[in-house]
Protein backbone atom coordinates (compact mmCIF):
# COMPACT_ATOMS: atom_id res chain seq x y z
CA UNK A 1 -82.31 -0.96 54.13
CA UNK A 2 -83.36 -4.14 56.60
CA UNK A 3 -86.55 -3.23 57.81
CA UNK A 4 -87.68 -5.49 60.67
CA UNK A 5 -90.49 -7.14 61.41
CA UNK A 6 -91.77 -9.77 63.96
CA UNK A 7 -93.66 -12.81 62.71
CA UNK A 8 -95.38 -15.37 64.73
CA UNK A 9 -96.14 -18.37 62.90
CA UNK A 10 -98.56 -21.09 64.18
CA UNK A 11 -97.74 -24.42 62.83
CA UNK A 12 -99.83 -27.91 62.80
CA UNK A 13 -97.42 -28.78 65.70
CA UNK A 14 -96.53 -25.49 67.87
CA UNK A 15 -96.22 -21.81 67.58
CA UNK A 16 -93.06 -20.38 66.50
CA UNK A 17 -91.66 -17.15 66.93
CA UNK A 18 -89.22 -15.32 64.71
CA UNK A 19 -87.64 -12.12 64.21
CA UNK A 20 -87.00 -11.33 60.80
CA UNK A 21 -86.38 -8.36 58.63
CA UNK A 22 -86.59 -7.82 54.61
CA UNK A 23 -83.39 -8.43 52.80
CA UNK A 24 -83.40 -5.78 50.37
CA UNK A 25 -81.41 -6.12 47.16
CA UNK A 26 -80.22 -3.59 44.49
CA UNK A 27 -82.01 -5.75 42.19
CA UNK A 28 -85.19 -5.86 43.97
CA UNK A 29 -86.39 -9.33 42.82
CA UNK A 30 -83.23 -10.73 44.60
CA UNK A 31 -84.94 -9.41 47.86
CA UNK A 32 -86.47 -11.13 50.37
CA UNK A 33 -89.54 -9.96 52.57
CA UNK A 34 -89.65 -11.09 56.34
CA UNK A 35 -92.68 -13.17 55.58
CA UNK A 36 -90.90 -15.47 53.43
CA UNK A 37 -87.57 -15.44 55.44
CA UNK A 38 -89.94 -16.44 58.25
CA UNK A 39 -91.67 -19.53 56.19
CA UNK A 40 -88.09 -20.54 55.33
CA UNK A 41 -86.87 -20.85 58.59
CA UNK A 42 -89.76 -22.63 59.95
CA UNK A 43 -89.48 -25.05 56.89
CA UNK A 44 -85.96 -25.74 57.60
CA UNK A 45 -86.72 -26.62 61.03
CA UNK A 46 -89.04 -29.27 59.69
CA UNK A 47 -92.43 -27.24 59.59
CA UNK A 48 -94.80 -28.13 56.31
CA UNK A 49 -98.26 -27.12 57.51
CA UNK A 50 -99.40 -23.66 59.30
CA UNK A 51 -102.39 -22.19 60.97
CA UNK A 52 -101.17 -18.49 60.96
CA UNK A 53 -98.88 -15.76 60.54
CA UNK A 54 -99.11 -12.56 62.18
CA UNK A 55 -97.10 -9.73 60.82
CA UNK A 56 -95.83 -6.80 62.83
CA UNK A 57 -94.40 -3.72 61.97
CA UNK A 58 -94.30 -0.21 62.79
CA UNK A 59 -96.71 1.29 60.54
CA UNK A 60 -99.17 3.58 62.03
CA UNK A 61 -101.55 4.35 59.33
CA UNK A 62 -102.62 1.25 57.88
CA UNK A 63 -102.29 -2.51 58.11
CA UNK A 64 -99.15 -4.27 56.78
CA UNK A 65 -99.42 -6.50 54.22
CA UNK A 66 -97.72 -9.15 52.54
CA UNK A 67 -96.63 -8.41 49.05
CA UNK A 68 -97.82 -10.33 46.16
CA UNK A 69 -94.60 -12.56 46.17
CA UNK A 70 -95.22 -13.43 49.71
CA UNK A 71 -98.97 -14.22 48.81
CA UNK A 72 -97.75 -16.78 46.45
CA UNK A 73 -95.17 -18.42 49.11
CA UNK A 74 -98.10 -18.73 51.44
CA UNK A 75 -100.24 -20.43 48.99
CA UNK A 76 -97.64 -23.03 48.57
CA UNK A 77 -98.80 -24.05 52.17
CA UNK A 78 -102.29 -23.89 51.40
CA UNK A 79 -105.10 -21.76 51.20
CA UNK A 80 -107.04 -21.42 54.28
CA UNK A 81 -104.68 -20.28 57.11
CA UNK A 82 -104.88 -17.19 58.26
CA UNK A 83 -102.88 -13.86 57.86
CA UNK A 84 -103.12 -11.36 61.14
CA UNK A 85 -101.85 -8.28 59.78
CA UNK A 86 -101.48 -5.44 62.40
CA UNK A 87 -100.65 -1.69 62.92
CA UNK A 88 -98.21 -0.49 65.89
CA UNK A 89 -101.22 0.33 67.87
CA UNK A 90 -102.01 -3.54 68.51
CA UNK A 91 -104.93 -3.27 65.81
CA UNK A 92 -105.09 -5.75 63.20
CA UNK A 93 -106.77 -7.10 60.61
CA UNK A 94 -107.68 -10.98 60.19
CA UNK A 95 -107.50 -12.22 56.15
CA UNK A 96 -107.19 -15.98 54.74
CA UNK A 97 -104.40 -16.35 52.38
CA UNK A 98 -107.18 -17.06 50.03
CA UNK A 99 -109.10 -13.95 50.61
CA UNK A 100 -105.55 -12.34 49.83
CA UNK A 101 -105.00 -14.02 46.67
CA UNK A 102 -108.28 -15.51 45.34
CA UNK A 103 -108.52 -17.74 42.53
CA UNK A 104 -104.76 -18.55 43.39
CA UNK A 105 -102.47 -21.14 41.48
CA UNK A 106 -101.01 -24.23 43.86
CA UNK A 107 -99.85 -26.90 44.29
CA UNK A 108 -102.62 -28.75 43.59
CA UNK A 109 -102.84 -27.38 40.33
CA UNK A 110 -99.39 -29.03 39.47
CA UNK A 111 -100.65 -32.53 40.65
CA UNK A 112 -103.69 -32.01 38.64
CA UNK A 113 -101.63 -31.35 35.31
CA UNK A 114 -99.86 -34.33 35.62
CA UNK A 115 -103.00 -36.67 36.31
CA UNK A 116 -103.96 -35.79 32.86
């Protein structure tokens, strides 16, 4: 299936809207979530620094939350940007990437290893 999600990404220089979808695959690890699709699209257009991402879906009973792979993908671009997770009624929950993925591994860890 290709569940549609709407993504609003606030980059360091502007706000961009991407309508993305999950691209599922019989081999689960080859699938691609809408969050990673939106971030990849923004990166392909030259954006490398993000302030926020808003995730919308048709879930009614809970806030849409990024999967572990998406959280790690977001972390590649920093840990202190905002993630707005919504429900279909327009309510939302705000967390940072750091809150979604505490004690994470990121690009700084690779640079620290190179310096030793």
